[in-house]
Amino acid sequence: MALEKVDILAIGVHPDDVELSCSGTLLKAVAAGKKVGILDLTMGELGTRGSGELRLKEAEAAAKILKTSFRVNAGLRDGFFENNEDAQLRIIEVIRACQPDVVLCNALRDRHPDHGRSAELEKVACFLSGLRRIETKHDGVAQEAWRPRLVLHYLQDHFEQPTLVVDITLHWEERTNSIKAYGSQFYNPNSNEPASSISGKEFLEIIEGKAQMYGRYIGATYGEGFISERPIGVDDIRSLA
């Protein structure tokens, strides 16, 4: 799938990270006429259930539900990727190709070590992408430097006090359907694969409970929380009410 200019780029180290954490925000943006894209860093091939190849098919199905302009995979090694030049350049190439104003990244701290480690990698790549002396090409064409205006980290397994919360109430059903597109990973009473920390029925109930908790902060039924490492400016303080 060809890369194109988007308003929001969501990055996840594993396919399903984006769906579990910020898909409601993406759906809301698309409903408002914005364009969104997804970059998965790995195939999630070390997961207890399914396989990397199956996760790619599930990710494609989820992307259709989310109505993304594109979804691409960086091909890094699940569990063993490093925050090095090669990995940074793979992300930089995508950022420069789609020129997002906002990038949504993995959680800065979390139960799964890949999440925090990838968050640092993604954050570094967002900054380096704005340095013109770093040369990259996409489809053989030299790219111009591009730095996103805003980098946010979505919340995953660990609880963190969010900097901001997005009301996703109107998009809850679609959000849930995008998660369920990963049939190999989540609750399936007919599965013969080993149980995992996310395969039980209660996991999806926990996900809903978290969304209700974040929604409560802003007087909504469901919300998604994000952390910004820098202050967020607004033109009119009334827009926050």
C-alpha atoms as a PDB file:
ATOM      1  CA  MET A   1       0.000   0.000   0.000  1.00  0.00           C
ATOM      2  CA  ALA A   2       1.384   3.377  -1.015  1.00  0.00           C
ATOM      3  CA  LEU A   3       2.187   5.935   1.655  1.00  0.00           C
ATOM      4  CA  GLU A   4       0.416   9.284   1.486  1.00  0.00           C
ATOM      5  CA  LYS A   5       0.058  12.468   3.506  1.00  0.00           C
ATOM      6  CA  VAL A   6      -1.904  11.891   6.706  1.00  0.00           C
ATOM      7  CA  ASP A   7      -2.927  14.003   9.667  1.00  0.00           C
ATOM      8  CA  ILE A   8      -2.165  11.324  12.265  1.00  0.00           C
ATOM      9  CA  LEU A   9       0.344   8.468  12.224  1.00  0.00           C
ATOM     10  CA  ALA A  10      -0.125   5.803  14.903  1.00  0.00           C
ATOM     11  CA  ILE A  11       2.886   3.589  15.630  1.00  0.00           C
ATOM     12  CA  GLY A  12       2.713   0.274  17.466  1.00  0.00           C
ATOM     13  CA  VAL A  13       5.531  -2.158  18.139  1.00  0.00           C
ATOM     14  CA  HIS A  14       3.074  -5.068  17.782  1.00  0.00           C
ATOM     15  CA  PRO A  15       0.044  -5.379  15.534  1.00  0.00           C
ATOM     16  CA  ASP A  16      -2.939  -4.775  17.875  1.00  0.00           C
ATOM     17  CA  ASP A  17      -1.149  -2.185  20.078  1.00  0.00           C
ATOM     18  CA  VAL A  18      -2.852   0.610  18.157  1.00  0.00           C
ATOM     19  CA  GLU A  19      -6.266  -1.058  18.235  1.00  0.00           C
ATOM     20  CA  LEU A  20      -6.128  -1.661  21.983  1.00  0.00           C
ATOM     21  CA  SER A  21      -4.950   1.828  22.867  1.00  0.00           C
ATOM     22  CA  CYS A  22      -5.847   4.558  20.379  1.00  0.00           C
ATOM     23  CA  SER A  23      -8.134   3.159  17.669  1.00  0.00           C
ATOM     24  CA  GLY A  24     -11.097   5.162  18.937  1.00  0.00           C
ATOM     25  CA  THR A  25      -9.103   8.354  18.442  1.00  0.00           C
ATOM     26  CA  LEU A  26      -8.244   7.283  14.888  1.00  0.00           C
ATOM     27  CA  LEU A  27     -11.871   6.456  14.116  1.00  0.00           C
ATOM     28  CA  LYS A  28     -12.965   9.835  15.461  1.00  0.00           C
ATOM     29  CA  ALA A  29     -10.373  11.603  13.313  1.00  0.00           C
ATOM     30  CA  VAL A  30     -11.496   9.766  10.177  1.00  0.00           C
ATOM     31  CA  ALA A  31     -15.132  10.604  10.940  1.00  0.00           C
ATOM     32  CA  ALA A  32     -14.079  14.271  11.089  1.00  0.00           C
ATOM     33  CA  GLY A  33     -12.536  14.039   7.618  1.00  0.00           C
ATOM     34  CA  LYS A  34      -8.918  13.517   8.681  1.00  0.00           C
ATOM     35  CA  LYS A  35      -6.538  10.942   7.240  1.00  0.00           C
ATOM     36  CA  VAL A  36      -4.727   8.434   9.438  1.00  0.00           C
ATOM     37  CA  GLY A  37      -2.030   5.819   8.902  1.00  0.00           C
ATOM     38  CA  ILE A  38      -0.552   2.998  10.975  1.00  0.00           C
ATOM     39  CA  LEU A  39       3.041   1.798  11.234  1.00  0.00           C
ATOM     40  CA  ASP A  40       3.619  -1.539  12.971  1.00  0.00           C
ATOM     41  CA  LEU A  41       7.259  -2.100  13.886  1.00  0.00           C
ATOM     42  CA  THR A  42       7.150  -5.926  14.115  1.00  0.00           C
ATOM     43  CA  MET A  43       4.817  -8.773  13.151  1.00  0.00           C
ATOM     44  CA  GLY A  44       4.391  -9.750  16.805  1.00  0.00           C
ATOM     45  CA  GLU A  45       5.864 -13.109  15.884  1.00  0.00           C
ATOM     46  CA  LEU A  46       6.824 -13.988  19.464  1.00  0.00           C
ATOM     47  CA  GLY A  47       3.224 -13.941  20.671  1.00  0.00           C
ATOM     48  CA  THR A  48       1.971 -16.993  22.551  1.00  0.00           C
ATOM     49  CA  ARG A  49      -0.851 -17.554  20.060  1.00  0.00           C
ATOM     50  CA  GLY A  50      -1.096 -17.333  16.306  1.00  0.00           C
ATOM     51  CA  SER A  51       1.885 -16.422  14.120  1.00  0.00           C
ATOM     52  CA  GLY A  52       3.508 -13.375  12.588  1.00  0.00           C
ATOM     53  CA  GLU A  53       1.966 -14.147   9.208  1.00  0.00           C
ATOM     54  CA  LEU A  54      -1.502 -14.469  10.724  1.00  0.00           C
ATOM     55  CA  ARG A  55      -1.055 -11.242  12.677  1.00  0.00           C
ATOM     56  CA  LEU A  56      -0.331  -9.430   9.405  1.00  0.00           C
ATOM     57  CA  LYS A  57      -3.622 -10.664   7.943  1.00  0.00           C
ATOM     58  CA  GLU A  58      -5.477  -9.674  11.090  1.00  0.00           C
ATOM     59  CA  ALA A  59      -3.813  -6.242  11.017  1.00  0.00           C
ATOM     60  CA  GLU A  60      -5.002  -5.763   7.446  1.00  0.00           C
ATOM     61  CA  ALA A  61      -8.562  -6.638   8.453  1.00  0.00           C
ATOM     62  CA  ALA A  62      -8.400  -4.231  11.395  1.00  0.00           C
ATOM     63  CA  ALA A  63      -7.080  -1.459   9.153  1.00  0.00           C
ATOM     64  CA  LYS A  64     -10.181  -1.775   6.961  1.00  0.00           C
ATOM     65  CA  ILE A  65     -12.395  -1.323  10.001  1.00  0.00           C
ATOM     66  CA  LEU A  66     -10.384   1.731  11.033  1.00  0.00           C
ATOM     67  CA  LYS A  67     -10.516   3.146   7.483  1.00  0.00           C
ATOM     68  CA  THR A  68      -6.810   3.949   7.444  1.00  0.00           C
ATOM     69  CA  SER A  69      -5.117   5.488   4.411  1.00  0.00           C
ATOM     70  CA  PHE A  70      -2.351   2.907   4.789  1.00  0.00           C
ATOM     71  CA  ARG A  71      -0.866   0.348   7.159  1.00  0.00           C
ATOM     72  CA  VAL A  72       2.763  -0.705   6.801  1.00  0.00           C
ATOM     73  CA  ASN A  73       5.190  -2.870   8.755  1.00  0.00           C
ATOM     74  CA  ALA A  74       8.815  -1.913   9.482  1.00  0.00           C
ATOM     75  CA  GLY A  75       9.944  -5.537   9.701  1.00  0.00           C
ATOM     76  CA  LEU A  76      11.875  -5.217  12.971  1.00  0.00           C
ATOM     77  CA  ARG A  77      12.440  -8.301  15.137  1.00  0.00           C
ATOM     78  CA  ASP A  78       9.830  -8.803  17.819  1.00  0.00           C
ATOM     79  CA  GLY A  79      11.514  -8.798  21.223  1.00  0.00           C
ATOM     80  CA  PHE A  80      15.011  -8.190  19.865  1.00  0.00           C
ATOM     81  CA  PHE A  81      14.803  -4.855  18.016  1.00  0.00           C
ATOM     82  CA  GLU A  82      17.197  -2.140  19.120  1.00  0.00           C
ATOM     83  CA  ASN A  83      17.026   1.633  19.275  1.00  0.00           C
ATOM     84  CA  ASN A  84      19.740   2.000  16.664  1.00  0.00           C
ATOM     85  CA  GLU A  85      20.349   3.806  13.390  1.00  0.00           C
ATOM     86  CA  ASP A  86      18.779   1.139  11.190  1.00  0.00           C
ATOM     87  CA  ALA A  87      15.549   1.032  13.198  1.00  0.00           C
ATOM     88  CA  GLN A  88      15.380   4.822  13.454  1.00  0.00           C
ATOM     89  CA  LEU A  89      15.819   5.259   9.707  1.00  0.00           C
ATOM     90  CA  ARG A  90      13.011   2.819   8.938  1.00  0.00           C
ATOM     91  CA  ILE A  91      10.632   4.923  11.007  1.00  0.00           C
ATOM     92  CA  ILE A  92      12.017   8.219   9.698  1.00  0.00           C
ATOM     93  CA  GLU A  93      11.367   7.105   6.119  1.00  0.00           C
ATOM     94  CA  VAL A  94       7.692   6.511   6.919  1.00  0.00           C
ATOM     95  CA  ILE A  95       7.308   9.782   8.831  1.00  0.00           C
ATOM     96  CA  ARG A  96       8.837  11.773   5.998  1.00  0.00           C
ATOM     97  CA  ALA A  97       6.741   9.953   3.406  1.00  0.00           C
ATOM     98  CA  CYS A  98       3.391  10.626   5.111  1.00  0.00           C
ATOM     99  CA  GLN A  99       4.248  13.912   6.901  1.00  0.00           C
ATOM    100  CA  PRO A 100       1.900  13.586   9.895  1.00  0.00           C
ATOM    101  CA  ASP A 101       1.111  16.539  12.137  1.00  0.00           C
ATOM    102  CA  VAL A 102       0.530  14.176  15.074  1.00  0.00           C
ATOM    103  CA  VAL A 103       2.263  10.891  15.914  1.00  0.00           C
ATOM    104  CA  LEU A 104       0.818   8.487  18.490  1.00  0.00           C
ATOM    105  CA  CYS A 105       3.455   6.229  20.072  1.00  0.00           C
ATOM    106  CA  ASN A 106       3.679   3.288  22.445  1.00  0.00           C
ATOM    107  CA  ALA A 107       3.503   3.779  26.216  1.00  0.00           C
ATOM    108  CA  LEU A 108       6.650   5.165  27.827  1.00  0.00           C
ATOM    109  CA  ARG A 109       6.502   2.594  30.647  1.00  0.00           C
ATOM    110  CA  ASP A 110       4.631  -0.683  30.599  1.00  0.00           C
ATOM    111  CA  ARG A 111       4.464  -4.348  31.594  1.00  0.00           C
ATOM    112  CA  HIS A 112       5.772  -5.547  28.229  1.00  0.00           C
ATOM    113  CA  PRO A 113       9.398  -4.393  27.841  1.00  0.00           C
ATOM    114  CA  ASP A 114       8.926  -3.910  24.092  1.00  0.00           C
ATOM    115  CA  HIS A 115       6.428  -1.116  24.724  1.00  0.00           C
ATOM    116  CA  GLY A 116       8.665   1.253  26.659  1.00  0.00           C
ATOM    117  CA  ARG A 117      11.691   0.387  24.531  1.00  0.00           C
ATOM    118  CA  SER A 118       9.816   1.074  21.313  1.00  0.00           C
ATOM    119  CA  ALA A 119       8.411   4.320  22.738  1.00  0.00           C
ATOM    120  CA  GLU A 120      11.943   5.657  23.106  1.00  0.00           C
ATOM    121  CA  LEU A 121      12.804   4.494  19.584  1.00  0.00           C
ATOM    122  CA  GLU A 122       9.695   6.133  18.135  1.00  0.00           C
ATOM    123  CA  LYS A 123      10.307   9.362  20.067  1.00  0.00           C
ATOM    124  CA  VAL A 124      13.900   9.597  18.840  1.00  0.00           C
ATOM    125  CA  ALA A 125      12.852   8.922  15.252  1.00  0.00           C
ATOM    126  CA  CYS A 126      10.231  11.685  15.395  1.00  0.00           C
ATOM    127  CA  PHE A 127      12.937  14.165  16.404  1.00  0.00           C
ATOM    128  CA  LEU A 128      15.621  12.968  14.005  1.00  0.00           C
ATOM    129  CA  SER A 129      13.144  13.053  11.133  1.00  0.00           C
ATOM    130  CA  GLY A 130      13.296  16.855  11.345  1.00  0.00           C
ATOM    131  CA  LEU A 131      17.067  17.040  10.826  1.00  0.00           C
ATOM    132  CA  ARG A 132      17.798  17.883   7.193  1.00  0.00           C
ATOM    133  CA  ARG A 133      21.336  16.484   7.284  1.00  0.00           C
ATOM    134  CA  ILE A 134      19.945  12.973   7.812  1.00  0.00           C
ATOM    135  CA  GLU A 135      19.389  11.699   4.274  1.00  0.00           C
ATOM    136  CA  THR A 136      16.692   9.179   3.445  1.00  0.00           C
ATOM    137  CA  LYS A 137      14.978   7.939   0.314  1.00  0.00           C
ATOM    138  CA  HIS A 138      11.537   6.474  -0.325  1.00  0.00           C
ATOM    139  CA  ASP A 139      10.955   4.549  -3.537  1.00  0.00           C
ATOM    140  CA  GLY A 140      14.314   5.843  -4.725  1.00  0.00           C
ATOM    141  CA  VAL A 141      13.406   9.510  -4.243  1.00  0.00           C
ATOM    142  CA  ALA A 142      15.242  11.725  -1.740  1.00  0.00           C
ATOM    143  CA  GLN A 143      13.031  12.873   1.110  1.00  0.00           C
ATOM    144  CA  GLU A 144      12.717  16.243   2.794  1.00  0.00           C
ATOM    145  CA  ALA A 145      13.043  16.608   6.563  1.00  0.00           C
ATOM    146  CA  TRP A 146       9.757  16.521   8.494  1.00  0.00           C
ATOM    147  CA  ARG A 147       9.086  16.764  12.210  1.00  0.00           C
ATOM    148  CA  PRO A 148       5.593  16.154  13.657  1.00  0.00           C
ATOM    149  CA  ARG A 149       4.077  19.053  15.547  1.00  0.00           C
ATOM    150  CA  LEU A 150       2.882  16.815  18.379  1.00  0.00           C
ATOM    151  CA  VAL A 151       4.055  13.448  19.736  1.00  0.00           C
ATOM    152  CA  LEU A 152       1.754  11.676  22.187  1.00  0.00           C
ATOM    153  CA  HIS A 153       2.134   8.349  23.972  1.00  0.00           C
ATOM    154  CA  TYR A 154      -0.978   6.243  24.377  1.00  0.00           C
ATOM    155  CA  LEU A 155      -1.607   4.226  27.535  1.00  0.00           C
ATOM    156  CA  GLN A 156      -1.348   0.443  27.584  1.00  0.00           C
ATOM    157  CA  ASP A 157      -1.264  -2.118  30.409  1.00  0.00           C
ATOM    158  CA  HIS A 158       0.101   0.025  33.261  1.00  0.00           C
ATOM    159  CA  PHE A 159      -2.023   2.813  34.650  1.00  0.00           C
ATOM    160  CA  GLU A 160      -0.612   6.291  34.067  1.00  0.00           C
ATOM    161  CA  GLN A 161      -2.293   9.618  34.779  1.00  0.00           C
ATOM    162  CA  PRO A 162      -3.150  10.918  31.298  1.00  0.00           C
ATOM    163  CA  THR A 163      -2.215  14.376  30.089  1.00  0.00           C
ATOM    164  CA  LEU A 164      -5.312  14.445  27.919  1.00  0.00           C
ATOM    165  CA  VAL A 165      -8.304  12.224  27.208  1.00  0.00           C
ATOM    166  CA  VAL A 166     -10.217  11.880  23.946  1.00  0.00           C
ATOM    167  CA  ASP A 167     -13.958  11.140  24.025  1.00  0.00           C
ATOM    168  CA  ILE A 168     -14.436   8.029  21.863  1.00  0.00           C
ATOM    169  CA  THR A 169     -17.963   7.130  22.965  1.00  0.00           C
ATOM    170  CA  LEU A 170     -19.517   7.316  19.488  1.00  0.00           C
ATOM    171  CA  HIS A 171     -16.872   4.985  18.081  1.00  0.00           C
ATOM    172  CA  TRP A 172     -16.796   2.322  20.774  1.00  0.00           C
ATOM    173  CA  GLU A 173     -18.433  -0.421  18.712  1.00  0.00           C
ATOM    174  CA  GLU A 174     -16.103   0.058  15.747  1.00  0.00           C
ATOM    175  CA  ARG A 175     -13.134   0.208  18.116  1.00  0.00           C
ATOM    176  CA  THR A 176     -14.175  -3.091  19.665  1.00  0.00           C
ATOM    177  CA  ASN A 177     -14.579  -4.673  16.245  1.00  0.00           C
ATOM    178  CA  SER A 178     -11.056  -3.615  15.281  1.00  0.00           C
ATOM    179  CA  ILE A 179      -9.703  -5.386  18.380  1.00  0.00           C
ATOM    180  CA  LYS A 180     -11.730  -8.507  17.647  1.00  0.00           C
ATOM    181  CA  ALA A 181     -10.157  -8.633  14.180  1.00  0.00           C
ATOM    182  CA  TYR A 182      -7.212 -10.248  16.006  1.00  0.00           C
ATOM    183  CA  GLY A 183      -9.031 -13.523  16.500  1.00  0.00           C
ATOM    184  CA  SER A 184      -5.817 -15.393  17.236  1.00  0.00           C
ATOM    185  CA  GLN A 185      -4.967 -13.174  20.195  1.00  0.00           C
ATOM    186  CA  PHE A 186      -8.126 -12.569  22.165  1.00  0.00           C
ATOM    187  CA  TYR A 187     -10.953 -14.562  23.679  1.00  0.00           C
ATOM    188  CA  ASN A 188     -12.042 -17.513  21.546  1.00  0.00           C
ATOM    189  CA  PRO A 189     -13.733 -20.393  23.400  1.00  0.00           C
ATOM    190  CA  ASN A 190     -13.016 -22.700  20.445  1.00  0.00           C
ATOM    191  CA  SER A 191      -9.259 -22.094  20.380  1.00  0.00           C
ATOM    192  CA  ASN A 192      -6.911 -24.989  21.172  1.00  0.00           C
ATOM    193  CA  GLU A 193      -3.865 -22.723  21.553  1.00  0.00           C
ATOM    194  CA  PRO A 194      -2.148 -22.025  24.902  1.00  0.00           C
ATOM    195  CA  ALA A 195      -3.775 -19.458  27.153  1.00  0.00           C
ATOM    196  CA  SER A 196      -2.080 -16.063  27.423  1.00  0.00           C
ATOM    197  CA  SER A 197      -2.453 -12.973  29.573  1.00  0.00           C
ATOM    198  CA  ILE A 198      -4.757 -11.427  26.951  1.00  0.00           C
ATOM    199  CA  SER A 199      -6.717 -14.441  25.708  1.00  0.00           C
ATOM    200  CA  GLY A 200      -9.228 -14.653  28.557  1.00  0.00           C
ATOM    201  CA  LYS A 201     -12.726 -13.188  28.354  1.00  0.00           C
ATOM    202  CA  GLU A 202     -11.921 -10.919  31.285  1.00  0.00           C
ATOM    203  CA  PHE A 203      -9.204  -9.100  29.315  1.00  0.00           C
ATOM    204  CA  LEU A 204     -11.698  -7.437  26.973  1.00  0.00           C
ATOM    205  CA  GLU A 205     -13.778  -6.516  30.016  1.00  0.00           C
ATOM    206  CA  ILE A 206     -10.697  -4.881  31.543  1.00  0.00           C
ATOM    207  CA  ILE A 207     -10.109  -2.931  28.319  1.00  0.00           C
ATOM    208  CA  GLU A 208     -13.680  -1.636  28.472  1.00  0.00           C
ATOM    209  CA  GLY A 209     -13.317  -0.759  32.145  1.00  0.00           C
ATOM    210  CA  LYS A 210     -10.200   1.297  31.457  1.00  0.00           C
ATOM    211  CA  ALA A 211     -11.957   3.189  28.693  1.00  0.00           C
ATOM    212  CA  GLN A 212     -14.860   3.897  31.047  1.00  0.00           C
ATOM    213  CA  MET A 213     -12.438   5.126  33.699  1.00  0.00           C
ATOM    214  CA  TYR A 214     -10.708   7.536  31.308  1.00  0.00           C
ATOM    215  CA  GLY A 215     -14.082   8.638  29.985  1.00  0.00           C
ATOM    216  CA  ARG A 216     -15.222   9.470  33.507  1.00  0.00           C
ATOM    217  CA  TYR A 217     -12.422  12.036  33.790  1.00  0.00           C
ATOM    218  CA  ILE A 218     -14.050  14.094  31.024  1.00  0.00           C
ATOM    219  CA  GLY A 219     -17.712  13.282  31.549  1.00  0.00           C
ATOM    220  CA  ALA A 220     -17.888  10.783  28.684  1.00  0.00           C
ATOM    221  CA  THR A 221     -18.868   7.119  28.557  1.00  0.00           C
ATOM    222  CA  TYR A 222     -15.595   6.001  26.963  1.00  0.00           C
ATOM    223  CA  GLY A 223     -12.226   7.716  26.597  1.00  0.00           C
ATOM    224  CA  GLU A 224      -8.654   7.096  25.488  1.00  0.00           C
ATOM    225  CA  GLY A 225      -5.807   8.611  27.492  1.00  0.00           C
ATOM    226  CA  PHE A 226      -2.522  10.021  26.231  1.00  0.00           C
ATOM    227  CA  ILE A 227       0.644  11.444  27.744  1.00  0.00           C
ATOM    228  CA  SER A 228       2.579  14.392  26.360  1.00  0.00           C
ATOM    229  CA  GLU A 229       6.110  15.024  27.585  1.00  0.00           C
ATOM    230  CA  ARG A 230       5.804  18.728  26.876  1.00  0.00           C
ATOM    231  CA  PRO A 231       3.081  21.316  27.535  1.00  0.00           C
ATOM    232  CA  ILE A 232       0.324  21.462  24.924  1.00  0.00           C
ATOM    233  CA  GLY A 233      -0.594  24.935  23.688  1.00  0.00           C
ATOM    234  CA  VAL A 234      -4.108  26.076  22.801  1.00  0.00           C
ATOM    235  CA  ASP A 235      -5.354  29.190  20.994  1.00  0.00           C
ATOM    236  CA  ASP A 236      -8.472  29.533  23.136  1.00  0.00           C
ATOM    237  CA  ILE A 237      -8.741  28.135  26.659  1.00  0.00           C
ATOM    238  CA  ARG A 238     -12.504  27.764  26.142  1.00  0.00           C
ATOM    239  CA  SER A 239     -11.807  24.943  23.675  1.00  0.00           C
ATOM    240  CA  LEU A 240     -10.746  22.830  26.668  1.00  0.00           C
ATOM    241  CA  ALA A 241     -14.127  23.156  28.398  1.00  0.00           C
END
